[in-house]
């Protein structure tokens, strides 16, 4: 999935998604839930550090 694809699904610009991806922006809880739903994962899986698994 491209940044533009995700941006379209979220109703944001690609630049906003880029900011989320590189950690410059942090999503609010409702957006985090929506992103987890799009990728078919739990919020815990989405936000947990890979090293914690």
PDB file of N, CA and C in Angstrom:
ATOM      1  N   UNK A   1       0.853  -1.172   0.000  1.00  0.00           N
ATOM      2  CA  UNK A   1       0.000   0.000   0.000  1.00  0.00           C
ATOM      3  C   UNK A   1       0.900   1.236   0.000  1.00  0.00           C
ATOM      4  N   UNK A   2       0.577   2.178  -0.850  1.00  0.00           N
ATOM      5  CA  UNK A   2       1.355   3.410  -0.893  1.00  0.00           C
ATOM      6  C   UNK A   2       0.836   4.402   0.152  1.00  0.00           C
ATOM      7  N   UNK A   3       1.635   5.423   0.404  1.00  0.00           N
ATOM      8  CA  UNK A   3       1.193   6.485   1.305  1.00  0.00           C
ATOM      9  C   UNK A   3      -0.070   7.134   0.757  1.00  0.00           C
ATOM     10  N   UNK A   4      -0.126   7.294  -0.554  1.00  0.00           N
ATOM     11  CA  UNK A   4      -1.306   7.915  -1.164  1.00  0.00           C
ATOM     12  C   UNK A   4      -2.542   7.041  -0.988  1.00  0.00           C
ATOM     13  N   UNK A   5      -2.383   5.712  -1.124  1.00  0.00           N
ATOM     14  CA  UNK A   5      -3.504   4.800  -0.906  1.00  0.00           C
ATOM     15  C   UNK A   5      -4.044   4.941   0.518  1.00  0.00           C
ATOM     16  N   UNK A   6      -3.139   4.936   1.484  1.00  0.00           N
ATOM     17  CA  UNK A   6      -3.561   5.063   2.881  1.00  0.00           C
ATOM     18  C   UNK A   6      -4.182   6.437   3.125  1.00  0.00           C
ATOM     19  N   UNK A   7      -3.576   7.466   2.585  1.00  0.00           N
ATOM     20  CA  UNK A   7      -4.115   8.821   2.748  1.00  0.00           C
ATOM     21  C   UNK A   7      -5.538   8.905   2.212  1.00  0.00           C
ATOM     22  N   UNK A   8      -5.775   8.289   1.056  1.00  0.00           N
ATOM     23  CA  UNK A   8      -7.121   8.299   0.481  1.00  0.00           C
ATOM     24  C   UNK A   8      -8.120   7.615   1.406  1.00  0.00           C
ATOM     25  N   UNK A   9      -7.723   6.491   1.999  1.00  0.00           N
ATOM     26  CA  UNK A   9      -8.628   5.763   2.898  1.00  0.00           C
ATOM     27  C   UNK A   9      -8.890   6.531   4.188  1.00  0.00           C
ATOM     28  N   UNK A  10      -7.895   7.293   4.625  1.00  0.00           N
ATOM     29  CA  UNK A  10      -8.035   8.040   5.879  1.00  0.00           C
ATOM     30  C   UNK A  10      -8.640   9.427   5.681  1.00  0.00           C
ATOM     31  N   UNK A  11      -8.634   9.904   4.443  1.00  0.00           N
ATOM     32  CA  UNK A  11      -9.131  11.253   4.180  1.00  0.00           C
ATOM     33  C   UNK A  11      -8.114  12.325   4.519  1.00  0.00           C
ATOM     34  N   UNK A  12      -6.840  11.991   4.448  1.00  0.00           N
ATOM     35  CA  UNK A  12      -5.755  12.929   4.723  1.00  0.00           C
ATOM     36  C   UNK A  12      -4.885  13.088   3.490  1.00  0.00           C
ATOM     37  N   UNK A  13      -3.934  13.995   3.562  1.00  0.00           N
ATOM     38  CA  UNK A  13      -2.973  14.147   2.471  1.00  0.00           C
ATOM     39  C   UNK A  13      -1.859  13.109   2.633  1.00  0.00           C
ATOM     40  N   UNK A  14      -1.161  12.861   1.531  1.00  0.00           N
ATOM     41  CA  UNK A  14      -0.015  11.957   1.576  1.00  0.00           C
ATOM     42  C   UNK A  14       1.046  12.506   2.526  1.00  0.00           C
ATOM     43  N   UNK A  15       1.163  13.829   2.598  1.00  0.00           N
ATOM     44  CA  UNK A  15       2.158  14.450   3.477  1.00  0.00           C
ATOM     45  C   UNK A  15       1.841  14.190   4.948  1.00  0.00           C
ATOM     46  N   UNK A  16       0.564  14.159   5.298  1.00  0.00           N
ATOM     47  CA  UNK A  16       0.164  13.838   6.666  1.00  0.00           C
ATOM     48  C   UNK A  16       0.555  12.387   6.989  1.00  0.00           C
ATOM     49  N   UNK A  17       0.273  11.486   6.060  1.00  0.00           N
ATOM     50  CA  UNK A  17       0.628  10.079   6.258  1.00  0.00           C
ATOM     51  C   UNK A  17       2.145   9.926   6.372  1.00  0.00           C
ATOM     52  N   UNK A  18       2.888  10.656   5.568  1.00  0.00           N
ATOM     53  CA  UNK A  18       4.345  10.621   5.648  1.00  0.00           C
ATOM     54  C   UNK A  18       4.813  11.055   7.031  1.00  0.00           C
ATOM     55  N   UNK A  19       4.196  12.097   7.562  1.00  0.00           N
ATOM     56  CA  UNK A  19       4.545  12.569   8.905  1.00  0.00           C
ATOM     57  C   UNK A  19       4.271  11.519   9.967  1.00  0.00           C
ATOM     58  N   UNK A  20       3.186  10.767   9.803  1.00  0.00           N
ATOM     59  CA  UNK A  20       2.880   9.681  10.737  1.00  0.00           C
ATOM     60  C   UNK A  20       3.927   8.573  10.622  1.00  0.00           C
ATOM     61  N   UNK A  21       4.294   8.261   9.393  1.00  0.00           N
ATOM     62  CA  UNK A  21       5.220   7.163   9.139  1.00  0.00           C
ATOM     63  C   UNK A  21       6.603   7.426   9.720  1.00  0.00           C
ATOM     64  N   UNK A  22       7.080   8.654   9.638  1.00  0.00           N
ATOM     65  CA  UNK A  22       8.426   8.951  10.131  1.00  0.00           C
ATOM     66  C   UNK A  22       8.433   9.433  11.578  1.00  0.00           C
ATOM     67  N   UNK A  23       7.261   9.510  12.194  1.00  0.00           N
ATOM     68  CA  UNK A  23       7.186   9.873  13.604  1.00  0.00           C
ATOM     69  C   UNK A  23       7.154  11.365  13.880  1.00  0.00           C
ATOM     70  N   UNK A  24       6.994  12.173  12.840  1.00  0.00           N
ATOM     71  CA  UNK A  24       6.903  13.616  13.037  1.00  0.00           C
ATOM     72  C   UNK A  24       5.525  14.007  13.564  1.00  0.00           C
ATOM     73  N   UNK A  25       4.527  13.201  13.224  1.00  0.00           N
ATOM     74  CA  UNK A  25       3.162  13.406  13.712  1.00  0.00           C
ATOM     75  C   UNK A  25       2.729  12.142  14.448  1.00  0.00           C
ATOM     76  N   UNK A  26       1.830  12.305  15.396  1.00  0.00           N
ATOM     77  CA  UNK A  26       1.322  11.172  16.156  1.00  0.00           C
ATOM     78  C   UNK A  26      -0.202  11.157  16.049  1.00  0.00           C
ATOM     79  N   UNK A  27      -0.767  10.012  15.659  1.00  0.00           N
ATOM     80  CA  UNK A  27      -2.219   9.953  15.462  1.00  0.00           C
ATOM     81  C   UNK A  27      -2.978   9.937  16.781  1.00  0.00           C
ATOM     82  N   UNK A  28      -4.178  10.511  16.776  1.00  0.00           N
ATOM     83  CA  UNK A  28      -5.044  10.411  17.944  1.00  0.00           C
ATOM     84  C   UNK A  28      -5.598   8.981  17.997  1.00  0.00           C
ATOM     85  N   UNK A  29      -6.213   8.625  19.075  1.00  0.00           N
ATOM     86  CA  UNK A  29      -6.647   7.246  19.310  1.00  0.00           C
ATOM     87  C   UNK A  29      -7.595   6.751  18.220  1.00  0.00           C
ATOM     88  N   UNK A  30      -8.568   7.567  17.837  1.00  0.00           N
ATOM     89  CA  UNK A  30      -9.527   7.132  16.825  1.00  0.00           C
ATOM     90  C   UNK A  30      -8.839   6.848  15.485  1.00  0.00           C
ATOM     91  N   UNK A  31      -7.856   7.653  15.127  1.00  0.00           N
ATOM     92  CA  UNK A  31      -7.115   7.427  13.891  1.00  0.00           C
ATOM     93  C   UNK A  31      -6.279   6.160  13.996  1.00  0.00           C
ATOM     94  N   UNK A  32      -5.705   5.908  15.154  1.00  0.00           N
ATOM     95  CA  UNK A  32      -4.933   4.691  15.362  1.00  0.00           C
ATOM     96  C   UNK A  32      -5.810   3.463  15.163  1.00  0.00           C
ATOM     97  N   UNK A  33      -7.024   3.498  15.679  1.00  0.00           N
ATOM     98  CA  UNK A  33      -7.966   2.387  15.509  1.00  0.00           C
ATOM     99  C   UNK A  33      -8.285   2.194  14.027  1.00  0.00           C
ATOM    100  N   UNK A  34      -8.523   3.289  13.313  1.00  0.00           N
ATOM    101  CA  UNK A  34      -8.847   3.198  11.888  1.00  0.00           C
ATOM    102  C   UNK A  34      -7.677   2.612  11.092  1.00  0.00           C
ATOM    103  N   UNK A  35      -6.459   3.031  11.396  1.00  0.00           N
ATOM    104  CA  UNK A  35      -5.277   2.497  10.711  1.00  0.00           C
ATOM    105  C   UNK A  35      -5.128   1.011  10.998  1.00  0.00           C
ATOM    106  N   UNK A  36      -5.326   0.611  12.249  1.00  0.00           N
ATOM    107  CA  UNK A  36      -5.251  -0.810  12.599  1.00  0.00           C
ATOM    108  C   UNK A  36      -6.288  -1.607  11.823  1.00  0.00           C
ATOM    109  N   UNK A  37      -7.494  -1.087  11.707  1.00  0.00           N
ATOM    110  CA  UNK A  37      -8.554  -1.760  10.946  1.00  0.00           C
ATOM    111  C   UNK A  37      -8.163  -1.908   9.479  1.00  0.00           C
ATOM    112  N   UNK A  38      -7.604  -0.867   8.897  1.00  0.00           N
ATOM    113  CA  UNK A  38      -7.208  -0.910   7.488  1.00  0.00           C
ATOM    114  C   UNK A  38      -6.178  -2.012   7.256  1.00  0.00           C
ATOM    115  N   UNK A  39      -5.240  -2.162   8.171  1.00  0.00           N
ATOM    116  CA  UNK A  39      -4.179  -3.155   8.006  1.00  0.00           C
ATOM    117  C   UNK A  39      -4.528  -4.522   8.596  1.00  0.00           C
ATOM    118  N   UNK A  40      -5.697  -4.639   9.214  1.00  0.00           N
ATOM    119  CA  UNK A  40      -6.132  -5.924   9.748  1.00  0.00           C
ATOM    120  C   UNK A  40      -5.320  -6.412  10.932  1.00  0.00           C
ATOM    121  N   UNK A  41      -4.915  -5.462  11.774  1.00  0.00           N
ATOM    122  CA  UNK A  41      -4.156  -5.792  12.983  1.00  0.00           C
ATOM    123  C   UNK A  41      -4.835  -5.136  14.177  1.00  0.00           C
ATOM    124  N   UNK A  42      -4.413  -5.526  15.370  1.00  0.00           N
ATOM    125  CA  UNK A  42      -4.928  -4.872  16.565  1.00  0.00           C
ATOM    126  C   UNK A  42      -4.152  -3.577  16.808  1.00  0.00           C
ATOM    127  N   UNK A  43      -4.723  -2.693  17.592  1.00  0.00           N
ATOM    128  CA  UNK A  43      -4.019  -1.464  17.955  1.00  0.00           C
ATOM    129  C   UNK A  43      -2.727  -1.817  18.684  1.00  0.00           C
ATOM    130  N   UNK A  44      -2.770  -2.823  19.528  1.00  0.00           N
ATOM    131  CA  UNK A  44      -1.580  -3.250  20.253  1.00  0.00           C
ATOM    132  C   UNK A  44      -0.471  -3.654  19.284  1.00  0.00           C
ATOM    133  N   UNK A  45      -0.812  -4.432  18.262  1.00  0.00           N
ATOM    134  CA  UNK A  45       0.182  -4.838  17.270  1.00  0.00           C
ATOM    135  C   UNK A  45       0.720  -3.632  16.505  1.00  0.00           C
ATOM    136  N   UNK A  46      -0.132  -2.671  16.257  1.00  0.00           N
ATOM    137  CA  UNK A  46       0.265  -1.495  15.495  1.00  0.00           C
ATOM    138  C   UNK A  46       1.241  -0.617  16.261  1.00  0.00           C
ATOM    139  N   UNK A  47       1.016  -0.443  17.547  1.00  0.00           N
ATOM    140  CA  UNK A  47       1.814   0.522  18.305  1.00  0.00           C
ATOM    141  C   UNK A  47       2.957  -0.089  19.100  1.00  0.00           C
ATOM    142  N   UNK A  48       2.921  -1.387  19.284  1.00  0.00           N
ATOM    143  CA  UNK A  48       3.971  -2.022  20.091  1.00  0.00           C
ATOM    144  C   UNK A  48       5.274  -2.055  19.324  1.00  0.00           C
ATOM    145  N   UNK A  49       6.349  -1.774  20.025  1.00  0.00           N
ATOM    146  CA  UNK A  49       7.695  -1.831  19.439  1.00  0.00           C
ATOM    147  C   UNK A  49       8.001  -3.260  19.035  1.00  0.00           C
ATOM    148  N   UNK A  50       8.558  -3.460  17.870  1.00  0.00           N
ATOM    149  CA  UNK A  50       8.879  -4.787  17.368  1.00  0.00           C
ATOM    150  C   UNK A  50       9.730  -5.576  18.358  1.00  0.00           C
ATOM    151  N   UNK A  51      10.569  -4.907  19.102  1.00  0.00           N
ATOM    152  CA  UNK A  51      11.460  -5.592  20.048  1.00  0.00           C
ATOM    153  C   UNK A  51      10.706  -6.117  21.262  1.00  0.00           C
ATOM    154  N   UNK A  52       9.503  -5.603  21.515  1.00  0.00           N
ATOM    155  CA  UNK A  52       8.708  -6.051  22.661  1.00  0.00           C
ATOM    156  C   UNK A  52       7.983  -7.358  22.391  1.00  0.00           C
ATOM    157  N   UNK A  53       7.969  -7.803  21.153  1.00  0.00           N
ATOM    158  CA  UNK A  53       7.174  -8.985  20.781  1.00  0.00           C
ATOM    159  C   UNK A  53       7.848 -10.238  21.237  1.00  0.00           C
TER     160      UNK A  53
END
